[in-house]
Amino acid sequence: MENKNDDLDYNKIGQITSDFVKVSDQVKITCKKIIEKKFSKFPVIILSDTNNDLGALLIDQNEILNNKWKYFASYAEVLIEKKIISDISIFKEKYKNPDEFCCLLTRIDINSKIIFIPYPED
């Protein structure tokens, strides 16, 4: 995957984390369904400030507790097809336990990056 900027600044990471907490329950359920229904073993949630064609809109802006970003449900195979992920073996190797972490493709402004964010503990 190409990154316009390799790192997210601390301010953006804080914004992403505080926004993700608001939607994490819905996101976790969706990721489990992607795996259970055998679409993929590698669900990916896209966080974006605009619409995109990488996944299905899951949560729109201001839908849950005034969340800031749009969240789209997708998975690795779609992102490979669209050439967002270039090396599936490296992606699978770095992929974290989907029961504990959400694979989040952040697309903010012109920057994009795949990060793994832990689900909040109950």
N, C-alpha and C. Protein backbone atom coordinates (compact mmCIF):
# COMPACT_ATOMS: atom_id res chain seq x y z
N MET A 1 0.84 -1.18 0.00
CA MET A 1 0.00 0.00 0.00
C MET A 1 0.88 1.23 0.00
N GLU A 2 0.53 2.19 -0.79
CA GLU A 2 1.30 3.42 -0.83
C GLU A 2 0.86 4.36 0.27
N ASN A 3 1.82 4.99 0.89
CA ASN A 3 1.54 6.01 1.90
C ASN A 3 2.08 7.33 1.39
N LYS A 4 1.26 8.35 1.43
CA LYS A 4 1.76 9.67 1.10
C LYS A 4 2.63 10.18 2.24
N ASN A 5 2.29 9.74 3.43
CA ASN A 5 3.03 10.12 4.63
C ASN A 5 3.07 8.87 5.49
N ASP A 6 4.25 8.41 5.85
CA ASP A 6 4.40 7.12 6.52
C ASP A 6 3.83 7.10 7.93
N ASP A 7 3.75 8.22 8.59
CA ASP A 7 3.29 8.25 9.97
C ASP A 7 2.10 9.19 10.15
N LEU A 8 1.21 8.79 11.02
CA LEU A 8 0.13 9.67 11.43
C LEU A 8 0.64 10.49 12.61
N ASP A 9 0.30 11.76 12.65
CA ASP A 9 0.76 12.55 13.79
C ASP A 9 -0.06 12.19 15.03
N TYR A 10 0.47 12.53 16.19
CA TYR A 10 -0.16 12.16 17.46
C TYR A 10 -1.56 12.73 17.58
N ASN A 11 -1.79 13.91 17.05
CA ASN A 11 -3.11 14.52 17.08
C ASN A 11 -4.12 13.65 16.33
N LYS A 12 -3.76 13.20 15.12
CA LYS A 12 -4.65 12.35 14.33
C LYS A 12 -4.88 11.01 15.02
N ILE A 13 -3.83 10.43 15.60
CA ILE A 13 -3.98 9.16 16.31
C ILE A 13 -4.97 9.31 17.46
N GLY A 14 -4.87 10.40 18.19
CA GLY A 14 -5.81 10.67 19.29
C GLY A 14 -7.24 10.82 18.78
N GLN A 15 -7.40 11.53 17.68
CA GLN A 15 -8.74 11.71 17.09
C GLN A 15 -9.31 10.38 16.61
N ILE A 16 -8.48 9.58 15.97
CA ILE A 16 -8.93 8.28 15.48
C ILE A 16 -9.35 7.40 16.65
N THR A 17 -8.53 7.34 17.67
CA THR A 17 -8.82 6.50 18.83
C THR A 17 -10.10 6.93 19.52
N SER A 18 -10.27 8.22 19.76
CA SER A 18 -11.49 8.67 20.46
C SER A 18 -12.73 8.47 19.60
N ASP A 19 -12.61 8.57 18.29
CA ASP A 19 -13.74 8.32 17.40
C ASP A 19 -14.04 6.82 17.32
N PHE A 20 -12.99 6.01 17.25
CA PHE A 20 -13.15 4.56 17.13
C PHE A 20 -13.88 3.97 18.34
N VAL A 21 -13.61 4.49 19.52
CA VAL A 21 -14.27 4.00 20.73
C VAL A 21 -15.79 4.10 20.59
N LYS A 22 -16.27 5.14 19.94
CA LYS A 22 -17.71 5.35 19.77
C LYS A 22 -18.36 4.28 18.90
N VAL A 23 -17.63 3.76 17.94
CA VAL A 23 -18.21 2.85 16.95
C VAL A 23 -17.68 1.42 17.08
N SER A 24 -16.82 1.18 18.04
CA SER A 24 -16.10 -0.10 18.11
C SER A 24 -17.00 -1.32 18.24
N ASP A 25 -18.09 -1.22 18.98
CA ASP A 25 -18.97 -2.38 19.13
C ASP A 25 -19.54 -2.81 17.78
N GLN A 26 -20.04 -1.85 17.01
CA GLN A 26 -20.61 -2.15 15.69
C GLN A 26 -19.53 -2.68 14.75
N VAL A 27 -18.35 -2.09 14.79
CA VAL A 27 -17.24 -2.51 13.94
C VAL A 27 -16.84 -3.95 14.27
N LYS A 28 -16.74 -4.26 15.54
CA LYS A 28 -16.32 -5.61 15.96
C LYS A 28 -17.33 -6.65 15.49
N ILE A 29 -18.61 -6.37 15.63
CA ILE A 29 -19.66 -7.29 15.17
C ILE A 29 -19.54 -7.51 13.66
N THR A 30 -19.32 -6.44 12.92
CA THR A 30 -19.20 -6.54 11.47
C THR A 30 -17.99 -7.38 11.08
N CYS A 31 -16.87 -7.16 11.72
CA CYS A 31 -15.66 -7.94 11.41
C CYS A 31 -15.88 -9.42 11.70
N LYS A 32 -16.55 -9.72 12.81
CA LYS A 32 -16.85 -11.13 13.14
C LYS A 32 -17.74 -11.75 12.06
N LYS A 33 -18.73 -11.00 11.58
CA LYS A 33 -19.63 -11.51 10.54
C LYS A 33 -18.89 -11.76 9.23
N ILE A 34 -17.95 -10.90 8.89
CA ILE A 34 -17.15 -11.09 7.67
C ILE A 34 -16.41 -12.42 7.74
N ILE A 35 -15.87 -12.73 8.92
CA ILE A 35 -15.15 -13.99 9.11
C ILE A 35 -16.12 -15.17 9.16
N GLU A 36 -17.18 -15.05 9.97
CA GLU A 36 -18.15 -16.14 10.13
C GLU A 36 -18.81 -16.53 8.81
N LYS A 37 -19.12 -15.55 7.98
CA LYS A 37 -19.79 -15.83 6.71
C LYS A 37 -18.80 -16.19 5.61
N LYS A 38 -17.53 -16.31 6.01
CA LYS A 38 -16.45 -16.76 5.13
C LYS A 38 -16.20 -15.86 3.92
N PHE A 39 -16.46 -14.56 4.08
CA PHE A 39 -16.06 -13.62 3.04
C PHE A 39 -14.54 -13.52 3.02
N SER A 40 -13.96 -13.49 4.24
CA SER A 40 -12.51 -13.36 4.38
C SER A 40 -12.11 -13.63 5.82
N LYS A 41 -10.89 -14.06 5.99
CA LYS A 41 -10.32 -14.18 7.34
C LYS A 41 -9.65 -12.87 7.76
N PHE A 42 -9.66 -11.90 6.85
CA PHE A 42 -8.93 -10.65 7.06
C PHE A 42 -9.81 -9.42 6.82
N PRO A 43 -10.77 -9.17 7.73
CA PRO A 43 -11.59 -7.97 7.57
C PRO A 43 -10.76 -6.70 7.75
N VAL A 44 -11.14 -5.67 7.01
CA VAL A 44 -10.49 -4.37 7.09
C VAL A 44 -11.59 -3.31 7.15
N ILE A 45 -11.49 -2.41 8.09
CA ILE A 45 -12.43 -1.29 8.18
C ILE A 45 -11.71 -0.05 7.66
N ILE A 46 -12.37 0.65 6.76
CA ILE A 46 -11.78 1.86 6.19
C ILE A 46 -12.38 3.06 6.91
N LEU A 47 -11.53 3.89 7.45
CA LEU A 47 -11.93 5.13 8.12
C LEU A 47 -11.57 6.25 7.15
N SER A 48 -12.56 7.06 6.79
CA SER A 48 -12.32 8.09 5.79
C SER A 48 -13.19 9.31 6.06
N ASP A 49 -12.75 10.44 5.54
CA ASP A 49 -13.56 11.65 5.66
C ASP A 49 -14.40 11.87 4.41
N THR A 50 -14.26 10.97 3.42
CA THR A 50 -15.04 11.06 2.18
C THR A 50 -15.54 9.67 1.79
N ASN A 51 -16.46 9.62 0.84
CA ASN A 51 -16.91 8.34 0.32
C ASN A 51 -15.80 7.71 -0.50
N ASN A 52 -15.83 6.39 -0.59
CA ASN A 52 -14.85 5.68 -1.41
C ASN A 52 -15.46 4.40 -1.94
N ASP A 53 -14.76 3.76 -2.85
CA ASP A 53 -15.28 2.53 -3.46
C ASP A 53 -14.55 1.29 -2.96
N LEU A 54 -13.95 1.38 -1.78
CA LEU A 54 -13.18 0.26 -1.25
C LEU A 54 -13.99 -0.67 -0.37
N GLY A 55 -15.17 -0.24 0.04
CA GLY A 55 -15.99 -1.07 0.91
C GLY A 55 -17.40 -0.54 0.99
N ALA A 56 -18.23 -1.25 1.75
CA ALA A 56 -19.62 -0.85 1.95
C ALA A 56 -19.71 0.07 3.16
N LEU A 57 -20.46 1.15 3.01
CA LEU A 57 -20.63 2.09 4.12
C LEU A 57 -21.26 1.36 5.30
N LEU A 58 -20.57 1.40 6.41
CA LEU A 58 -21.02 0.75 7.64
C LEU A 58 -21.61 1.79 8.60
N ILE A 59 -20.86 2.85 8.83
CA ILE A 59 -21.29 3.90 9.75
C ILE A 59 -20.97 5.24 9.11
N ASP A 60 -21.98 6.08 8.96
CA ASP A 60 -21.77 7.39 8.37
C ASP A 60 -21.34 8.39 9.45
N GLN A 61 -20.87 9.54 9.02
CA GLN A 61 -20.50 10.60 9.96
C GLN A 61 -21.70 10.97 10.82
N ASN A 62 -21.44 11.22 12.09
CA ASN A 62 -22.48 11.64 13.05
C ASN A 62 -23.59 10.62 13.25
N GLU A 63 -23.35 9.37 12.96
CA GLU A 63 -24.37 8.35 13.11
C GLU A 63 -24.42 7.76 14.53
N ILE A 64 -23.25 7.61 15.13
CA ILE A 64 -23.18 7.04 16.48
C ILE A 64 -22.39 8.01 17.37
N LEU A 65 -23.06 8.60 18.33
CA LEU A 65 -22.41 9.50 19.30
C LEU A 65 -21.58 10.58 18.62
N ASN A 66 -22.09 11.12 17.53
CA ASN A 66 -21.40 12.20 16.80
C ASN A 66 -20.01 11.81 16.30
N ASN A 67 -19.89 10.58 15.80
CA ASN A 67 -18.59 10.16 15.27
C ASN A 67 -18.18 11.07 14.12
N LYS A 68 -16.87 11.28 14.01
CA LYS A 68 -16.32 12.25 13.06
C LYS A 68 -16.17 11.68 11.64
N TRP A 69 -15.82 10.39 11.53
CA TRP A 69 -15.48 9.82 10.24
C TRP A 69 -16.51 8.81 9.75
N LYS A 70 -16.40 8.50 8.48
CA LYS A 70 -17.19 7.44 7.86
C LYS A 70 -16.39 6.14 8.02
N TYR A 71 -17.11 5.04 8.22
CA TYR A 71 -16.48 3.72 8.35
C TYR A 71 -17.07 2.79 7.30
N PHE A 72 -16.20 2.14 6.56
CA PHE A 72 -16.60 1.23 5.49
C PHE A 72 -16.09 -0.16 5.81
N ALA A 73 -16.91 -1.17 5.58
CA ALA A 73 -16.51 -2.56 5.79
C ALA A 73 -15.91 -3.12 4.51
N SER A 74 -14.76 -3.77 4.65
CA SER A 74 -14.10 -4.38 3.51
C SER A 74 -13.26 -5.55 4.02
N TYR A 75 -12.43 -6.08 3.13
CA TYR A 75 -11.51 -7.15 3.54
C TYR A 75 -10.34 -7.21 2.57
N ALA A 76 -9.33 -7.94 2.98
CA ALA A 76 -8.04 -7.93 2.29
C ALA A 76 -8.16 -8.22 0.80
N GLU A 77 -8.98 -9.20 0.43
CA GLU A 77 -9.07 -9.59 -0.98
C GLU A 77 -9.55 -8.43 -1.86
N VAL A 78 -10.46 -7.62 -1.36
CA VAL A 78 -10.94 -6.45 -2.11
C VAL A 78 -9.81 -5.44 -2.28
N LEU A 79 -9.05 -5.24 -1.20
CA LEU A 79 -7.96 -4.25 -1.24
C LEU A 79 -6.80 -4.72 -2.12
N ILE A 80 -6.64 -6.02 -2.25
CA ILE A 80 -5.62 -6.55 -3.18
C ILE A 80 -6.09 -6.29 -4.61
N GLU A 81 -7.34 -6.60 -4.87
CA GLU A 81 -7.91 -6.40 -6.21
C GLU A 81 -7.81 -4.94 -6.64
N LYS A 82 -7.99 -4.02 -5.69
CA LYS A 82 -7.94 -2.58 -6.01
C LYS A 82 -6.53 -2.01 -5.88
N LYS A 83 -5.57 -2.90 -5.64
CA LYS A 83 -4.14 -2.54 -5.58
C LYS A 83 -3.80 -1.60 -4.41
N ILE A 84 -4.57 -1.69 -3.34
CA ILE A 84 -4.25 -0.94 -2.12
C ILE A 84 -3.22 -1.72 -1.31
N ILE A 85 -3.40 -3.04 -1.27
CA ILE A 85 -2.42 -3.94 -0.65
C ILE A 85 -1.64 -4.59 -1.78
N SER A 86 -0.32 -4.46 -1.73
CA SER A 86 0.49 -4.98 -2.84
C SER A 86 1.04 -6.37 -2.54
N ASP A 87 1.29 -6.70 -1.27
CA ASP A 87 1.87 -8.00 -0.93
C ASP A 87 1.02 -8.68 0.13
N ILE A 88 0.19 -9.62 -0.29
CA ILE A 88 -0.73 -10.28 0.64
C ILE A 88 0.01 -11.08 1.70
N SER A 89 1.13 -11.67 1.37
CA SER A 89 1.84 -12.47 2.37
C SER A 89 2.36 -11.60 3.52
N ILE A 90 2.86 -10.43 3.21
CA ILE A 90 3.31 -9.51 4.27
C ILE A 90 2.11 -9.03 5.08
N PHE A 91 1.02 -8.72 4.40
CA PHE A 91 -0.19 -8.27 5.08
C PHE A 91 -0.68 -9.34 6.06
N LYS A 92 -0.78 -10.58 5.59
CA LYS A 92 -1.25 -11.67 6.45
C LYS A 92 -0.31 -11.91 7.63
N GLU A 93 0.98 -11.78 7.39
CA GLU A 93 1.98 -11.96 8.44
C GLU A 93 1.82 -10.91 9.55
N LYS A 94 1.49 -9.68 9.17
CA LYS A 94 1.36 -8.58 10.14
C LYS A 94 -0.03 -8.47 10.73
N TYR A 95 -1.00 -9.17 10.16
CA TYR A 95 -2.39 -9.08 10.60
C TYR A 95 -2.51 -9.59 12.04
N LYS A 96 -3.20 -8.82 12.87
CA LYS A 96 -3.33 -9.18 14.29
C LYS A 96 -4.66 -9.87 14.56
N ASN A 97 -4.75 -10.52 15.70
CA ASN A 97 -5.94 -11.26 16.12
C ASN A 97 -7.19 -10.38 15.98
N PRO A 98 -8.13 -10.77 15.10
CA PRO A 98 -9.31 -9.92 14.86
C PRO A 98 -10.30 -9.90 16.03
N ASP A 99 -10.12 -10.76 17.02
CA ASP A 99 -10.96 -10.70 18.22
C ASP A 99 -10.49 -9.58 19.15
N GLU A 100 -9.23 -9.18 19.00
CA GLU A 100 -8.65 -8.17 19.89
C GLU A 100 -8.36 -6.84 19.19
N PHE A 101 -8.09 -6.90 17.87
CA PHE A 101 -7.69 -5.70 17.13
C PHE A 101 -8.53 -5.52 15.88
N CYS A 102 -8.76 -4.27 15.54
CA CYS A 102 -9.40 -3.92 14.28
C CYS A 102 -8.32 -3.49 13.31
N CYS A 103 -8.34 -4.06 12.12
CA CYS A 103 -7.46 -3.61 11.05
C CYS A 103 -8.15 -2.41 10.41
N LEU A 104 -7.53 -1.26 10.54
CA LEU A 104 -8.13 -0.01 10.13
C LEU A 104 -7.27 0.64 9.04
N LEU A 105 -7.87 0.83 7.89
CA LEU A 105 -7.21 1.58 6.82
C LEU A 105 -7.68 3.01 6.96
N THR A 106 -6.78 3.88 7.39
CA THR A 106 -7.14 5.28 7.56
C THR A 106 -6.86 6.02 6.25
N ARG A 107 -7.85 6.76 5.80
CA ARG A 107 -7.72 7.59 4.60
C ARG A 107 -8.17 8.99 4.98
N ILE A 108 -7.22 9.78 5.42
CA ILE A 108 -7.51 11.13 5.91
C ILE A 108 -6.75 12.11 5.03
N ASP A 109 -7.48 13.04 4.45
CA ASP A 109 -6.90 14.00 3.51
C ASP A 109 -6.24 13.21 2.39
N ILE A 110 -4.94 13.40 2.17
CA ILE A 110 -4.24 12.65 1.13
C ILE A 110 -3.42 11.51 1.72
N ASN A 111 -3.48 11.32 3.02
CA ASN A 111 -2.69 10.30 3.69
C ASN A 111 -3.49 9.02 3.87
N SER A 112 -2.81 7.90 3.76
CA SER A 112 -3.46 6.63 4.04
C SER A 112 -2.45 5.70 4.71
N LYS A 113 -2.98 4.89 5.63
CA LYS A 113 -2.12 3.99 6.38
C LYS A 113 -2.98 2.90 6.99
N ILE A 114 -2.45 1.68 7.03
CA ILE A 114 -3.11 0.59 7.73
C ILE A 114 -2.55 0.53 9.14
N ILE A 115 -3.46 0.56 10.11
CA ILE A 115 -3.07 0.44 11.51
C ILE A 115 -3.93 -0.63 12.17
N PHE A 116 -3.47 -1.15 13.27
CA PHE A 116 -4.24 -2.10 14.07
C PHE A 116 -4.54 -1.41 15.39
N ILE A 117 -5.82 -1.29 15.68
CA ILE A 117 -6.26 -0.56 16.88
C ILE A 117 -6.98 -1.56 17.78
N PRO A 118 -6.62 -1.62 19.06
CA PRO A 118 -7.28 -2.58 19.94
C PRO A 118 -8.72 -2.17 20.22
N TYR A 119 -9.58 -3.18 20.32
CA TYR A 119 -10.95 -2.89 20.73
C TYR A 119 -10.93 -2.55 22.21
N PRO A 120 -11.77 -1.59 22.63
CA PRO A 120 -11.82 -1.26 24.06
C PRO A 120 -12.27 -2.49 24.85
N GLU A 121 -11.73 -2.61 26.05
CA GLU A 121 -12.16 -3.71 26.92
C GLU A 121 -13.51 -3.36 27.52
N ASP A 122 -14.34 -4.39 27.68
CA ASP A 122 -15.69 -4.16 28.22
C ASP A 122 -15.65 -3.74 29.66
